[in-house]
Amino acid sequence: MVDWQLVGISFLAVFLAELGDKSQLAAMALSGRSRSTWGIFLGTAGALVLASFLGVIAGEGMAQILPVKYLKAMAAIGFALLAFGLLKPQRDE
């Protein structure tokens, strides 16, 4: 049986995370150079589905090895490191 609340939460979380993401910017750049809008849509949607599938499989495998609270902590630390990396001033070269 499908947990529709979990489907909705997953959809919303990924949708909001992907808005303005570099994958969306890449899709915009590709569609600007091509007349095949459906080709770009199908290619980028397929890539997102595959990447999400791999993430789910990896998360399921990791949950077999580590407790969920450790996985959440690792994800939080990873996101914090990414945030600090984005906020860090860049040197002009």
PDB file of N, CA and C in Angstrom:
ATOM      1  N   MET A   1       0.847  -1.181   0.000  1.00  0.00           N
ATOM      2  CA  MET A   1       0.000   0.000   0.000  1.00  0.00           C
ATOM      3  C   MET A   1       0.894   1.247   0.000  1.00  0.00           C
ATOM      4  N   VAL A   2       0.507   2.239  -0.752  1.00  0.00           N
ATOM      5  CA  VAL A   2       1.283   3.470  -0.891  1.00  0.00           C
ATOM      6  C   VAL A   2       0.883   4.455   0.204  1.00  0.00           C
ATOM      7  N   ASP A   3       1.859   5.011   0.868  1.00  0.00           N
ATOM      8  CA  ASP A   3       1.643   6.052   1.869  1.00  0.00           C
ATOM      9  C   ASP A   3       1.617   7.389   1.122  1.00  0.00           C
ATOM     10  N   TRP A   4       0.429   7.884   0.800  1.00  0.00           N
ATOM     11  CA  TRP A   4       0.292   9.080  -0.023  1.00  0.00           C
ATOM     12  C   TRP A   4       0.806  10.330   0.670  1.00  0.00           C
ATOM     13  N   GLN A   5       0.748  10.356   1.994  1.00  0.00           N
ATOM     14  CA  GLN A   5       1.305  11.502   2.711  1.00  0.00           C
ATOM     15  C   GLN A   5       2.823  11.552   2.504  1.00  0.00           C
ATOM     16  N   LEU A   6       3.477  10.396   2.555  1.00  0.00           N
ATOM     17  CA  LEU A   6       4.914  10.332   2.314  1.00  0.00           C
ATOM     18  C   LEU A   6       5.248  10.712   0.870  1.00  0.00           C
ATOM     19  N   VAL A   7       4.410  10.304  -0.067  1.00  0.00           N
ATOM     20  CA  VAL A   7       4.603  10.690  -1.470  1.00  0.00           C
ATOM     21  C   VAL A   7       4.531  12.207  -1.606  1.00  0.00           C
ATOM     22  N   GLY A   8       3.544  12.811  -0.967  1.00  0.00           N
ATOM     23  CA  GLY A   8       3.392  14.270  -1.030  1.00  0.00           C
ATOM     24  C   GLY A   8       4.553  15.011  -0.398  1.00  0.00           C
ATOM     25  N   ILE A   9       4.988  14.544   0.757  1.00  0.00           N
ATOM     26  CA  ILE A   9       6.120  15.188   1.437  1.00  0.00           C
ATOM     27  C   ILE A   9       7.394  15.049   0.606  1.00  0.00           C
ATOM     28  N   SER A  10       7.618  13.861   0.052  1.00  0.00           N
ATOM     29  CA  SER A  10       8.806  13.645  -0.790  1.00  0.00           C
ATOM     30  C   SER A  10       8.766  14.533  -2.021  1.00  0.00           C
ATOM     31  N   PHE A  11       7.604  14.610  -2.663  1.00  0.00           N
ATOM     32  CA  PHE A  11       7.454  15.450  -3.851  1.00  0.00           C
ATOM     33  C   PHE A  11       7.757  16.904  -3.514  1.00  0.00           C
ATOM     34  N   LEU A  12       7.155  17.390  -2.446  1.00  0.00           N
ATOM     35  CA  LEU A  12       7.331  18.792  -2.073  1.00  0.00           C
ATOM     36  C   LEU A  12       8.787  19.097  -1.713  1.00  0.00           C
ATOM     37  N   ALA A  13       9.411  18.203  -0.965  1.00  0.00           N
ATOM     38  CA  ALA A  13      10.806  18.427  -0.562  1.00  0.00           C
ATOM     39  C   ALA A  13      11.728  18.482  -1.778  1.00  0.00           C
ATOM     40  N   VAL A  14      11.584  17.533  -2.697  1.00  0.00           N
ATOM     41  CA  VAL A  14      12.451  17.518  -3.887  1.00  0.00           C
ATOM     42  C   VAL A  14      12.115  18.679  -4.813  1.00  0.00           C
ATOM     43  N   PHE A  15      10.838  18.981  -4.982  1.00  0.00           N
ATOM     44  CA  PHE A  15      10.436  20.091  -5.842  1.00  0.00           C
ATOM     45  C   PHE A  15      11.043  21.397  -5.359  1.00  0.00           C
ATOM     46  N   LEU A  16      10.929  21.665  -4.066  1.00  0.00           N
ATOM     47  CA  LEU A  16      11.481  22.914  -3.526  1.00  0.00           C
ATOM     48  C   LEU A  16      13.004  22.926  -3.580  1.00  0.00           C
ATOM     49  N   ALA A  17      13.619  21.766  -3.352  1.00  0.00           N
ATOM     50  CA  ALA A  17      15.084  21.695  -3.394  1.00  0.00           C
ATOM     51  C   ALA A  17      15.622  21.911  -4.802  1.00  0.00           C
ATOM     52  N   GLU A  18      14.872  21.501  -5.801  1.00  0.00           N
ATOM     53  CA  GLU A  18      15.339  21.590  -7.182  1.00  0.00           C
ATOM     54  C   GLU A  18      15.085  22.950  -7.822  1.00  0.00           C
ATOM     55  N   LEU A  19      14.209  23.769  -7.248  1.00  0.00           N
ATOM     56  CA  LEU A  19      13.948  25.092  -7.827  1.00  0.00           C
ATOM     57  C   LEU A  19      15.221  25.923  -7.783  1.00  0.00           C
ATOM     58  N   GLY A  20      15.646  26.392  -8.926  1.00  0.00           N
ATOM     59  CA  GLY A  20      16.847  27.213  -9.000  1.00  0.00           C
ATOM     60  C   GLY A  20      18.137  26.426  -8.870  1.00  0.00           C
ATOM     61  N   ASP A  21      18.035  25.114  -8.846  1.00  0.00           N
ATOM     62  CA  ASP A  21      19.220  24.261  -8.739  1.00  0.00           C
ATOM     63  C   ASP A  21      19.973  24.296 -10.066  1.00  0.00           C
ATOM     64  N   LYS A  22      21.244  23.879 -10.019  1.00  0.00           N
ATOM     65  CA  LYS A  22      22.041  23.911 -11.247  1.00  0.00           C
ATOM     66  C   LYS A  22      21.494  22.972 -12.312  1.00  0.00           C
ATOM     67  N   SER A  23      20.778  21.912 -11.920  1.00  0.00           N
ATOM     68  CA  SER A  23      20.174  21.041 -12.929  1.00  0.00           C
ATOM     69  C   SER A  23      19.048  21.770 -13.665  1.00  0.00           C
ATOM     70  N   GLN A  24      18.300  22.595 -12.951  1.00  0.00           N
ATOM     71  CA  GLN A  24      17.254  23.382 -13.605  1.00  0.00           C
ATOM     72  C   GLN A  24      17.872  24.440 -14.521  1.00  0.00           C
ATOM     73  N   LEU A  25      18.948  25.049 -14.069  1.00  0.00           N
ATOM     74  CA  LEU A  25      19.639  26.039 -14.915  1.00  0.00           C
ATOM     75  C   LEU A  25      20.214  25.375 -16.167  1.00  0.00           C
ATOM     76  N   ALA A  26      20.724  24.145 -16.020  1.00  0.00           N
ATOM     77  CA  ALA A  26      21.239  23.414 -17.180  1.00  0.00           C
ATOM     78  C   ALA A  26      20.109  23.117 -18.162  1.00  0.00           C
ATOM     79  N   ALA A  27      18.948  22.735 -17.645  1.00  0.00           N
ATOM     80  CA  ALA A  27      17.795  22.474 -18.519  1.00  0.00           C
ATOM     81  C   ALA A  27      17.375  23.740 -19.258  1.00  0.00           C
ATOM     82  N   MET A  28      17.423  24.882 -18.567  1.00  0.00           N
ATOM     83  CA  MET A  28      17.076  26.141 -19.212  1.00  0.00           C
ATOM     84  C   MET A  28      18.075  26.479 -20.315  1.00  0.00           C
ATOM     85  N   ALA A  29      19.355  26.255 -20.042  1.00  0.00           N
ATOM     86  CA  ALA A  29      20.383  26.544 -21.047  1.00  0.00           C
ATOM     87  C   ALA A  29      20.228  25.626 -22.255  1.00  0.00           C
ATOM     88  N   LEU A  30      19.972  24.354 -21.999  1.00  0.00           N
ATOM     89  CA  LEU A  30      19.803  23.414 -23.110  1.00  0.00           C
ATOM     90  C   LEU A  30      18.571  23.747 -23.940  1.00  0.00           C
ATOM     91  N   SER A  31      17.486  24.104 -23.287  1.00  0.00           N
ATOM     92  CA  SER A  31      16.263  24.407 -24.030  1.00  0.00           C
ATOM     93  C   SER A  31      16.387  25.711 -24.801  1.00  0.00           C
ATOM     94  N   GLY A  32      17.267  26.598 -24.342  1.00  0.00           N
ATOM     95  CA  GLY A  32      17.491  27.842 -25.076  1.00  0.00           C
ATOM     96  C   GLY A  32      18.219  27.631 -26.387  1.00  0.00           C
ATOM     97  N   ARG A  33      18.967  26.524 -26.477  1.00  0.00           N
ATOM     98  CA  ARG A  33      19.731  26.226 -27.692  1.00  0.00           C
ATOM     99  C   ARG A  33      19.043  25.207 -28.593  1.00  0.00           C
ATOM    100  N   SER A  34      17.911  24.681 -28.162  1.00  0.00           N
ATOM    101  CA  SER A  34      17.273  23.603 -28.908  1.00  0.00           C
ATOM    102  C   SER A  34      15.810  23.938 -29.181  1.00  0.00           C
ATOM    103  N   ARG A  35      15.307  23.388 -30.250  1.00  0.00           N
ATOM    104  CA  ARG A  35      13.884  23.542 -30.553  1.00  0.00           C
ATOM    105  C   ARG A  35      13.087  22.341 -30.061  1.00  0.00           C
ATOM    106  N   SER A  36      13.778  21.338 -29.536  1.00  0.00           N
ATOM    107  CA  SER A  36      13.130  20.118 -29.068  1.00  0.00           C
ATOM    108  C   SER A  36      12.848  20.219 -27.571  1.00  0.00           C
ATOM    109  N   THR A  37      11.801  20.966 -27.226  1.00  0.00           N
ATOM    110  CA  THR A  37      11.453  21.158 -25.825  1.00  0.00           C
ATOM    111  C   THR A  37      11.144  19.830 -25.144  1.00  0.00           C
ATOM    112  N   TRP A  38      10.406  18.956 -25.830  1.00  0.00           N
ATOM    113  CA  TRP A  38      10.056  17.660 -25.240  1.00  0.00           C
ATOM    114  C   TRP A  38      11.283  16.783 -25.054  1.00  0.00           C
ATOM    115  N   GLY A  39      12.227  16.867 -25.952  1.00  0.00           N
ATOM    116  CA  GLY A  39      13.458  16.093 -25.806  1.00  0.00           C
ATOM    117  C   GLY A  39      14.234  16.519 -24.571  1.00  0.00           C
ATOM    118  N   ILE A  40      14.336  17.819 -24.351  1.00  0.00           N
ATOM    119  CA  ILE A  40      15.016  18.340 -23.166  1.00  0.00           C
ATOM    120  C   ILE A  40      14.256  17.931 -21.907  1.00  0.00           C
ATOM    121  N   PHE A  41      12.927  18.063 -21.943  1.00  0.00           N
ATOM    122  CA  PHE A  41      12.116  17.687 -20.781  1.00  0.00           C
ATOM    123  C   PHE A  41      12.289  16.209 -20.448  1.00  0.00           C
ATOM    124  N   LEU A  42      12.169  15.343 -21.437  1.00  0.00           N
ATOM    125  CA  LEU A  42      12.276  13.905 -21.182  1.00  0.00           C
ATOM    126  C   LEU A  42      13.666  13.525 -20.684  1.00  0.00           C
ATOM    127  N   GLY A  43      14.699  14.127 -21.251  1.00  0.00           N
ATOM    128  CA  GLY A  43      16.063  13.834 -20.812  1.00  0.00           C
ATOM    129  C   GLY A  43      16.329  14.290 -19.398  1.00  0.00           C
ATOM    130  N   THR A  44      15.933  15.515 -19.067  1.00  0.00           N
ATOM    131  CA  THR A  44      16.187  16.026 -17.719  1.00  0.00           C
ATOM    132  C   THR A  44      15.294  15.342 -16.682  1.00  0.00           C
ATOM    133  N   ALA A  45      14.044  15.052 -17.035  1.00  0.00           N
ATOM    134  CA  ALA A  45      13.154  14.350 -16.101  1.00  0.00           C
ATOM    135  C   ALA A  45      13.668  12.936 -15.843  1.00  0.00           C
ATOM    136  N   GLY A  46      14.125  12.266 -16.894  1.00  0.00           N
ATOM    137  CA  GLY A  46      14.684  10.924 -16.726  1.00  0.00           C
ATOM    138  C   GLY A  46      15.920  10.933 -15.842  1.00  0.00           C
ATOM    139  N   ALA A  47      16.765  11.945 -16.012  1.00  0.00           N
ATOM    140  CA  ALA A  47      17.974  12.053 -15.185  1.00  0.00           C
ATOM    141  C   ALA A  47      17.611  12.283 -13.722  1.00  0.00           C
ATOM    142  N   LEU A  48      16.618  13.120 -13.456  1.00  0.00           N
ATOM    143  CA  LEU A  48      16.201  13.378 -12.078  1.00  0.00           C
ATOM    144  C   LEU A  48      15.597  12.124 -11.448  1.00  0.00           C
ATOM    145  N   VAL A  49      14.793  11.397 -12.225  1.00  0.00           N
ATOM    146  CA  VAL A  49      14.204  10.157 -11.715  1.00  0.00           C
ATOM    147  C   VAL A  49      15.301   9.143 -11.381  1.00  0.00           C
ATOM    148  N   LEU A  50      16.272   8.985 -12.268  1.00  0.00           N
ATOM    149  CA  LEU A  50      17.363   8.038 -12.025  1.00  0.00           C
ATOM    150  C   LEU A  50      18.194   8.453 -10.808  1.00  0.00           C
ATOM    151  N   ALA A  51      18.527   9.736 -10.704  1.00  0.00           N
ATOM    152  CA  ALA A  51      19.305  10.211  -9.563  1.00  0.00           C
ATOM    153  C   ALA A  51      18.532  10.005  -8.256  1.00  0.00           C
ATOM    154  N   SER A  52      17.236  10.262  -8.281  1.00  0.00           N
ATOM    155  CA  SER A  52      16.417  10.048  -7.091  1.00  0.00           C
ATOM    156  C   SER A  52      16.346   8.573  -6.726  1.00  0.00           C
ATOM    157  N   PHE A  53      16.213   7.715  -7.734  1.00  0.00           N
ATOM    158  CA  PHE A  53      16.173   6.265  -7.500  1.00  0.00           C
ATOM    159  C   PHE A  53      17.465   5.784  -6.847  1.00  0.00           C
ATOM    160  N   LEU A  54      18.589   6.250  -7.367  1.00  0.00           N
ATOM    161  CA  LEU A  54      19.874   5.865  -6.790  1.00  0.00           C
ATOM    162  C   LEU A  54      20.005   6.366  -5.355  1.00  0.00           C
ATOM    163  N   GLY A  55      19.498   7.566  -5.084  1.00  0.00           N
ATOM    164  CA  GLY A  55      19.521   8.098  -3.722  1.00  0.00           C
ATOM    165  C   GLY A  55      18.668   7.268  -2.768  1.00  0.00           C
ATOM    166  N   VAL A  56      17.513   6.836  -3.230  1.00  0.00           N
ATOM    167  CA  VAL A  56      16.639   6.009  -2.401  1.00  0.00           C
ATOM    168  C   VAL A  56      17.297   4.661  -2.114  1.00  0.00           C
ATOM    169  N   ILE A  57      17.888   4.052  -3.132  1.00  0.00           N
ATOM    170  CA  ILE A  57      18.551   2.763  -2.950  1.00  0.00           C
ATOM    171  C   ILE A  57      19.737   2.908  -1.986  1.00  0.00           C
ATOM    172  N   ALA A  58      20.531   3.957  -2.163  1.00  0.00           N
ATOM    173  CA  ALA A  58      21.672   4.186  -1.278  1.00  0.00           C
ATOM    174  C   ALA A  58      21.211   4.457   0.152  1.00  0.00           C
ATOM    175  N   GLY A  59      20.154   5.255   0.305  1.00  0.00           N
ATOM    176  CA  GLY A  59      19.627   5.550   1.641  1.00  0.00           C
ATOM    177  C   GLY A  59      19.090   4.309   2.328  1.00  0.00           C
ATOM    178  N   GLU A  60      18.421   3.472   1.569  1.00  0.00           N
ATOM    179  CA  GLU A  60      17.900   2.220   2.131  1.00  0.00           C
ATOM    180  C   GLU A  60      19.043   1.319   2.584  1.00  0.00           C
ATOM    181  N   GLY A  61      20.092   1.246   1.760  1.00  0.00           N
ATOM    182  CA  GLY A  61      21.251   0.431   2.121  1.00  0.00           C
ATOM    183  C   GLY A  61      21.961   0.964   3.352  1.00  0.00           C
ATOM    184  N   MET A  62      22.103   2.293   3.428  1.00  0.00           N
ATOM    185  CA  MET A  62      22.763   2.901   4.577  1.00  0.00           C
ATOM    186  C   MET A  62      21.929   2.714   5.843  1.00  0.00           C
ATOM    187  N   ALA A  63      20.601   2.734   5.712  1.00  0.00           N
ATOM    188  CA  ALA A  63      19.733   2.552   6.874  1.00  0.00           C
ATOM    189  C   ALA A  63      19.851   1.136   7.436  1.00  0.00           C
ATOM    190  N   GLN A  64      20.280   0.191   6.602  1.00  0.00           N
ATOM    191  CA  GLN A  64      20.498  -1.177   7.081  1.00  0.00           C
ATOM    192  C   GLN A  64      21.749  -1.249   7.952  1.00  0.00           C
ATOM    193  N   ILE A  65      22.693  -0.328   7.711  1.00  0.00           N
ATOM    194  CA  ILE A  65      23.982  -0.358   8.407  1.00  0.00           C
ATOM    195  C   ILE A  65      24.001   0.594   9.599  1.00  0.00           C
ATOM    196  N   LEU A  66      23.467   1.803   9.402  1.00  0.00           N
ATOM    197  CA  LEU A  66      23.524   2.845  10.431  1.00  0.00           C
ATOM    198  C   LEU A  66      22.124   3.187  10.935  1.00  0.00           C
ATOM    199  N   PRO A  67      22.006   3.588  12.194  1.00  0.00           N
ATOM    200  CA  PRO A  67      20.713   4.073  12.692  1.00  0.00           C
ATOM    201  C   PRO A  67      20.301   5.353  11.955  1.00  0.00           C
ATOM    202  N   VAL A  68      18.998   5.548  11.819  1.00  0.00           N
ATOM    203  CA  VAL A  68      18.461   6.684  11.072  1.00  0.00           C
ATOM    204  C   VAL A  68      18.942   8.016  11.662  1.00  0.00           C
ATOM    205  N   LYS A  69      19.069   8.101  12.983  1.00  0.00           N
ATOM    206  CA  LYS A  69      19.498   9.378  13.574  1.00  0.00           C
ATOM    207  C   LYS A  69      20.906   9.751  13.116  1.00  0.00           C
ATOM    208  N   TYR A  70      21.774   8.759  12.880  1.00  0.00           N
ATOM    209  CA  TYR A  70      23.113   9.050  12.371  1.00  0.00           C
ATOM    210  C   TYR A  70      23.064   9.492  10.912  1.00  0.00           C
ATOM    211  N   LEU A  71      22.178   8.875  10.132  1.00  0.00           N
ATOM    212  CA  LEU A  71      22.022   9.301   8.736  1.00  0.00           C
ATOM    213  C   LEU A  71      21.536  10.739   8.660  1.00  0.00           C
ATOM    214  N   LYS A  72      20.571  11.090   9.513  1.00  0.00           N
ATOM    215  CA  LYS A  72      20.067  12.463   9.535  1.00  0.00           C
ATOM    216  C   LYS A  72      21.166  13.437   9.949  1.00  0.00           C
ATOM    217  N   ALA A  73      21.959  13.048  10.930  1.00  0.00           N
ATOM    218  CA  ALA A  73      23.059  13.905  11.380  1.00  0.00           C
ATOM    219  C   ALA A  73      24.086  14.093  10.269  1.00  0.00           C
ATOM    220  N   MET A  74      24.416  13.002   9.552  1.00  0.00           N
ATOM    221  CA  MET A  74      25.372  13.101   8.444  1.00  0.00           C
ATOM    222  C   MET A  74      24.832  14.014   7.348  1.00  0.00           C
ATOM    223  N   ALA A  75      23.542  13.901   7.035  1.00  0.00           N
ATOM    224  CA  ALA A  75      22.935  14.763   6.014  1.00  0.00           C
ATOM    225  C   ALA A  75      22.966  16.219   6.461  1.00  0.00           C
ATOM    226  N   ALA A  76      22.642  16.462   7.731  1.00  0.00           N
ATOM    227  CA  ALA A  76      22.655  17.843   8.249  1.00  0.00           C
ATOM    228  C   ALA A  76      24.054  18.435   8.186  1.00  0.00           C
ATOM    229  N   ILE A  77      25.052  17.649   8.560  1.00  0.00           N
ATOM    230  CA  ILE A  77      26.437  18.135   8.511  1.00  0.00           C
ATOM    231  C   ILE A  77      26.853  18.401   7.068  1.00  0.00           C
ATOM    232  N   GLY A  78      26.474  17.507   6.167  1.00  0.00           N
ATOM    233  CA  GLY A  78      26.797  17.699   4.751  1.00  0.00           C
ATOM    234  C   GLY A  78      26.191  18.966   4.185  1.00  0.00           C
ATOM    235  N   PHE A  79      24.907  19.214   4.505  1.00  0.00           N
ATOM    236  CA  PHE A  79      24.259  20.433   4.030  1.00  0.00           C
ATOM    237  C   PHE A  79      24.894  21.672   4.660  1.00  0.00           C
ATOM    238  N   ALA A  80      25.267  21.589   5.931  1.00  0.00           N
ATOM    239  CA  ALA A  80      25.918  22.723   6.594  1.00  0.00           C
ATOM    240  C   ALA A  80      27.264  23.030   5.936  1.00  0.00           C
ATOM    241  N   LEU A  81      28.036  21.989   5.616  1.00  0.00           N
ATOM    242  CA  LEU A  81      29.317  22.203   4.942  1.00  0.00           C
ATOM    243  C   LEU A  81      29.121  22.846   3.571  1.00  0.00           C
ATOM    244  N   LEU A  82      28.105  22.396   2.843  1.00  0.00           N
ATOM    245  CA  LEU A  82      27.809  23.015   1.544  1.00  0.00           C
ATOM    246  C   LEU A  82      27.431  24.484   1.717  1.00  0.00           C
ATOM    247  N   ALA A  83      26.618  24.774   2.731  1.00  0.00           N
ATOM    248  CA  ALA A  83      26.199  26.165   2.975  1.00  0.00           C
ATOM    249  C   ALA A  83      27.396  27.042   3.304  1.00  0.00           C
ATOM    250  N   PHE A  84      28.272  26.555   4.186  1.00  0.00           N
ATOM    251  CA  PHE A  84      29.460  27.338   4.527  1.00  0.00           C
ATOM    252  C   PHE A  84      30.365  27.526   3.308  1.00  0.00           C
ATOM    253  N   GLY A  85      30.452  26.503   2.470  1.00  0.00           N
ATOM    254  CA  GLY A  85      31.256  26.616   1.255  1.00  0.00           C
ATOM    255  C   GLY A  85      30.707  27.657   0.306  1.00  0.00           C
ATOM    256  N   LEU A  86      29.383  27.754   0.228  1.00  0.00           N
ATOM    257  CA  LEU A  86      28.761  28.759  -0.634  1.00  0.00           C
ATOM    258  C   LEU A  86      28.918  30.166  -0.070  1.00  0.00           C
ATOM    259  N   LEU A  87      28.934  30.276   1.256  1.00  0.00           N
ATOM    260  CA  LEU A  87      29.049  31.586   1.885  1.00  0.00           C
ATOM    261  C   LEU A  87      30.497  32.089   1.950  1.00  0.00           C
ATOM    262  N   LYS A  88      31.436  31.188   1.828  1.00  0.00           N
ATOM    263  CA  LYS A  88      32.850  31.558   1.925  1.00  0.00           C
ATOM    264  C   LYS A  88      33.241  32.495   0.780  1.00  0.00           C
ATOM    265  N   PRO A  89      33.853  33.622   1.091  1.00  0.00           N
ATOM    266  CA  PRO A  89      34.253  34.557   0.031  1.00  0.00           C
ATOM    267  C   PRO A  89      35.263  33.906  -0.936  1.00  0.00           C
ATOM    268  N   GLN A  90      35.106  34.197  -2.188  1.00  0.00           N
ATOM    269  CA  GLN A  90      36.000  33.656  -3.221  1.00  0.00           C
ATOM    270  C   GLN A  90      37.092  34.682  -3.514  1.00  0.00           C
ATOM    271  N   ARG A  91      38.281  34.186  -3.712  1.00  0.00           N
ATOM    272  CA  ARG A  91      39.400  35.063  -4.103  1.00  0.00           C
ATOM    273  C   ARG A  91      39.355  35.297  -5.609  1.00  0.00           C
ATOM    274  N   ASP A  92      39.601  36.517  -6.013  1.00  0.00           N
ATOM    275  CA  ASP A  92      39.705  36.809  -7.433  1.00  0.00           C
ATOM    276  C   ASP A  92      41.091  36.376  -7.905  1.00  0.00           C
ATOM    277  N   GLU A  93      41.112  35.659  -8.991  1.00  0.00           N
ATOM    278  CA  GLU A  93      42.410  35.191  -9.509  1.00  0.00           C
ATOM    279  C   GLU A  93      42.736  35.866 -10.805  1.00  0.00           C
TER     280      GLU A  93
END
